[in-house]
N, C-alpha and C. Protein backbone atom coordinates (compact mmCIF):
# COMPACT_ATOMS: atom_id res chain seq x y z
N ALA A 1 -6.74 -27.88 -11.87
CA ALA A 1 -7.33 -27.64 -10.58
C ALA A 1 -6.91 -26.27 -10.01
N PRO A 2 -5.61 -25.86 -10.08
CA PRO A 2 -5.25 -24.55 -9.55
C PRO A 2 -5.89 -23.39 -10.32
N CYS A 3 -6.17 -23.62 -11.59
CA CYS A 3 -6.78 -22.55 -12.39
C CYS A 3 -8.21 -22.27 -11.95
N VAL A 4 -8.85 -23.22 -11.31
CA VAL A 4 -10.22 -23.04 -10.83
C VAL A 4 -10.23 -22.63 -9.37
N THR A 5 -9.35 -23.21 -8.57
CA THR A 5 -9.37 -22.97 -7.12
C THR A 5 -8.85 -21.59 -6.75
N PHE A 6 -7.80 -21.14 -7.41
CA PHE A 6 -7.21 -19.85 -7.04
C PHE A 6 -8.19 -18.69 -7.26
N PRO A 7 -8.82 -18.57 -8.43
CA PRO A 7 -9.79 -17.46 -8.57
C PRO A 7 -10.95 -17.57 -7.58
N GLY A 8 -11.39 -18.80 -7.31
CA GLY A 8 -12.48 -18.97 -6.34
C GLY A 8 -12.06 -18.53 -4.95
N ALA A 9 -10.86 -18.92 -4.51
CA ALA A 9 -10.36 -18.52 -3.20
C ALA A 9 -10.13 -17.01 -3.14
N PHE A 10 -9.69 -16.43 -4.24
CA PHE A 10 -9.46 -14.99 -4.30
C PHE A 10 -10.78 -14.23 -4.12
N VAL A 11 -11.82 -14.67 -4.79
CA VAL A 11 -13.13 -14.01 -4.70
C VAL A 11 -13.69 -14.16 -3.28
N VAL A 12 -13.59 -15.35 -2.70
CA VAL A 12 -14.09 -15.57 -1.34
C VAL A 12 -13.34 -14.69 -0.35
N GLY A 13 -12.02 -14.58 -0.50
CA GLY A 13 -11.23 -13.74 0.39
C GLY A 13 -11.56 -12.28 0.24
N LEU A 14 -11.75 -11.84 -0.99
CA LEU A 14 -12.07 -10.43 -1.24
C LEU A 14 -13.44 -10.08 -0.65
N VAL A 15 -14.41 -10.94 -0.87
CA VAL A 15 -15.76 -10.69 -0.32
C VAL A 15 -15.71 -10.71 1.20
N GLY A 16 -14.97 -11.66 1.78
CA GLY A 16 -14.88 -11.75 3.23
C GLY A 16 -14.21 -10.53 3.85
N SER A 17 -13.15 -10.03 3.23
CA SER A 17 -12.47 -8.86 3.79
C SER A 17 -13.34 -7.61 3.68
N GLN A 18 -14.07 -7.47 2.58
CA GLN A 18 -14.96 -6.31 2.43
C GLN A 18 -16.11 -6.38 3.43
N LEU A 19 -16.64 -7.59 3.65
CA LEU A 19 -17.73 -7.76 4.61
C LEU A 19 -17.25 -7.45 6.03
N GLU A 20 -16.04 -7.90 6.36
CA GLU A 20 -15.48 -7.63 7.69
C GLU A 20 -15.25 -6.14 7.89
N ARG A 21 -14.76 -5.46 6.85
CA ARG A 21 -14.53 -4.00 6.95
C ARG A 21 -15.85 -3.26 7.15
N LEU A 22 -16.91 -3.71 6.48
CA LEU A 22 -18.21 -3.06 6.65
C LEU A 22 -18.78 -3.30 8.04
N LEU A 23 -18.62 -4.51 8.58
CA LEU A 23 -19.17 -4.82 9.89
C LEU A 23 -18.41 -4.14 11.02
N ARG A 24 -17.09 -4.12 10.93
CA ARG A 24 -16.28 -3.54 12.00
C ARG A 24 -16.17 -2.03 11.88
N GLY A 25 -16.27 -1.50 10.70
CA GLY A 25 -16.08 -0.06 10.51
C GLY A 25 -14.61 0.28 10.45
N ASP A 26 -14.32 1.55 10.29
CA ASP A 26 -12.93 1.99 10.22
C ASP A 26 -12.30 1.93 11.60
N PRO A 27 -10.99 1.65 11.68
CA PRO A 27 -10.33 1.64 12.99
C PRO A 27 -10.30 3.05 13.57
N PRO A 28 -10.27 3.17 14.89
CA PRO A 28 -10.22 4.50 15.49
C PRO A 28 -8.93 5.22 15.08
N PRO A 29 -8.99 6.53 14.91
CA PRO A 29 -7.81 7.27 14.45
C PRO A 29 -6.65 7.23 15.44
N THR A 30 -6.92 7.03 16.73
CA THR A 30 -5.83 7.00 17.70
C THR A 30 -4.95 5.77 17.54
N ALA A 31 -5.48 4.69 16.98
CA ALA A 31 -4.68 3.47 16.80
C ALA A 31 -3.57 3.72 15.77
N GLN A 32 -3.82 4.53 14.77
CA GLN A 32 -2.82 4.80 13.75
C GLN A 32 -1.83 5.86 14.21
N GLU A 33 -2.25 6.77 15.08
CA GLU A 33 -1.40 7.86 15.53
C GLU A 33 -0.60 7.51 16.79
N GLU A 34 -0.75 6.30 17.28
CA GLU A 34 -0.05 5.89 18.50
C GLU A 34 1.45 5.84 18.26
N LYS A 35 2.22 6.22 19.27
CA LYS A 35 3.67 6.24 19.15
C LYS A 35 4.23 4.82 19.15
N SER A 36 5.34 4.66 18.47
CA SER A 36 5.99 3.36 18.46
C SER A 36 6.69 3.13 19.80
N ILE A 37 7.12 1.91 20.03
CA ILE A 37 7.77 1.56 21.29
C ILE A 37 9.08 2.33 21.44
N SER A 38 9.84 2.47 20.35
CA SER A 38 11.11 3.19 20.45
C SER A 38 10.87 4.67 20.77
N GLU A 39 9.81 5.27 20.22
CA GLU A 39 9.51 6.66 20.54
C GLU A 39 9.08 6.80 22.00
N GLN A 40 8.30 5.86 22.51
CA GLN A 40 7.91 5.90 23.92
C GLN A 40 9.12 5.77 24.82
N ARG A 41 10.07 4.90 24.45
CA ARG A 41 11.29 4.71 25.25
C ARG A 41 12.11 5.99 25.27
N GLU A 42 12.25 6.64 24.10
CA GLU A 42 13.01 7.89 24.05
C GLU A 42 12.36 8.97 24.89
N ASP A 43 11.04 9.07 24.84
CA ASP A 43 10.33 10.07 25.66
C ASP A 43 10.55 9.81 27.15
N ARG A 44 10.50 8.53 27.56
CA ARG A 44 10.70 8.19 28.96
C ARG A 44 12.12 8.53 29.40
N LYS A 45 13.11 8.25 28.56
CA LYS A 45 14.50 8.58 28.91
C LYS A 45 14.69 10.08 29.01
N LEU A 46 14.06 10.84 28.13
CA LEU A 46 14.17 12.30 28.20
C LEU A 46 13.55 12.83 29.48
N GLN A 47 12.43 12.26 29.91
CA GLN A 47 11.79 12.70 31.16
C GLN A 47 12.68 12.38 32.35
N GLU A 48 13.42 11.27 32.32
CA GLU A 48 14.32 10.94 33.41
C GLU A 48 15.51 11.89 33.46
N ILE A 49 15.95 12.36 32.32
CA ILE A 49 17.14 13.21 32.25
C ILE A 49 16.83 14.66 32.64
N VAL A 50 15.58 15.09 32.52
CA VAL A 50 15.22 16.50 32.71
C VAL A 50 15.71 17.04 34.05
N GLY A 51 15.55 16.32 35.13
CA GLY A 51 15.90 16.83 36.45
C GLY A 51 17.35 16.61 36.84
N GLU A 52 18.12 15.88 36.05
CA GLU A 52 19.48 15.55 36.43
C GLU A 52 20.48 16.55 35.86
N ASP A 53 21.64 16.63 36.51
CA ASP A 53 22.73 17.44 36.00
C ASP A 53 23.57 16.54 35.09
N VAL A 54 23.53 16.81 33.79
CA VAL A 54 24.20 15.94 32.83
C VAL A 54 25.71 16.16 32.78
N THR A 55 26.23 17.18 33.48
CA THR A 55 27.67 17.41 33.47
C THR A 55 28.40 16.53 34.47
N LYS A 56 27.68 15.94 35.41
CA LYS A 56 28.30 15.06 36.39
C LYS A 56 28.34 13.65 35.82
N VAL A 57 29.54 13.21 35.46
CA VAL A 57 29.72 11.87 34.93
C VAL A 57 30.80 11.14 35.72
N VAL A 58 30.80 9.85 35.67
CA VAL A 58 31.78 9.04 36.37
C VAL A 58 33.05 9.02 35.52
N SER A 59 34.20 9.17 36.18
CA SER A 59 35.45 9.17 35.43
C SER A 59 35.74 7.76 34.92
N LEU A 60 36.57 7.69 33.90
CA LEU A 60 36.91 6.39 33.33
C LEU A 60 37.69 5.52 34.29
N LYS A 61 38.49 6.14 35.17
CA LYS A 61 39.24 5.35 36.14
C LYS A 61 38.28 4.61 37.08
N ASP A 62 37.22 5.29 37.49
CA ASP A 62 36.25 4.65 38.37
C ASP A 62 35.49 3.55 37.63
N LYS A 63 35.22 3.75 36.36
CA LYS A 63 34.51 2.73 35.60
C LYS A 63 35.35 1.48 35.43
N LEU A 64 36.66 1.62 35.32
CA LEU A 64 37.52 0.47 35.13
C LEU A 64 37.55 -0.44 36.36
N GLU A 65 37.23 0.08 37.52
CA GLU A 65 37.26 -0.72 38.73
C GLU A 65 36.17 -1.80 38.71
N PHE A 66 35.14 -1.62 37.92
CA PHE A 66 34.05 -2.59 37.86
C PHE A 66 34.30 -3.67 36.82
N ALA A 67 35.35 -3.54 36.04
CA ALA A 67 35.66 -4.53 35.02
C ALA A 67 36.36 -5.73 35.67
N PRO A 68 36.34 -6.87 35.04
CA PRO A 68 37.00 -8.04 35.61
C PRO A 68 38.50 -7.82 35.75
N ARG A 69 39.08 -8.28 36.86
CA ARG A 69 40.50 -8.10 37.13
C ARG A 69 41.36 -8.86 36.12
N ALA A 70 40.94 -10.02 35.71
CA ALA A 70 41.77 -10.85 34.84
C ALA A 70 42.05 -10.16 33.50
N VAL A 71 41.17 -9.31 33.06
CA VAL A 71 41.36 -8.67 31.77
C VAL A 71 42.18 -7.40 31.89
N LEU A 72 41.82 -6.53 32.84
CA LEU A 72 42.42 -5.20 32.85
C LEU A 72 43.64 -5.07 33.74
N ASN A 73 43.80 -5.89 34.73
CA ASN A 73 44.92 -5.73 35.64
C ASN A 73 46.14 -6.56 35.25
N ARG A 74 46.11 -7.17 34.13
CA ARG A 74 47.20 -8.02 33.72
C ARG A 74 48.48 -7.23 33.50
N ASN A 75 48.39 -6.10 32.83
CA ASN A 75 49.58 -5.31 32.50
C ASN A 75 49.68 -4.03 33.30
N ARG A 76 48.81 -3.84 34.27
CA ARG A 76 48.85 -2.62 35.08
C ARG A 76 49.60 -2.88 36.38
N PRO A 77 50.35 -1.89 36.86
CA PRO A 77 51.01 -2.07 38.17
C PRO A 77 49.96 -2.10 39.28
N GLU A 78 50.28 -2.75 40.35
CA GLU A 78 49.37 -2.85 41.49
C GLU A 78 49.22 -1.49 42.16
N LYS A 79 48.01 -1.20 42.66
CA LYS A 79 47.74 0.04 43.38
C LYS A 79 48.27 -0.07 44.79
N SER A 80 48.69 1.06 45.34
CA SER A 80 49.19 1.05 46.73
C SER A 80 48.07 1.42 47.67
């Protein structure tokens, strides 16, 4: 049974795909040249950075203040 069904299904699928390609035509070229999601994300991030001064960063001491106290203040002396 598989020796008869597989070639038959293969021929039906091949004819169906060729018929669909003829009816729909080729896809528009812009669909293939469209940017991926990661490329769009990188472009958006670059546009956000353009107007900012990248030399101004938050110091590590200030960043540590937002961390949970139970983890970071265990071995540190208390601030005055």
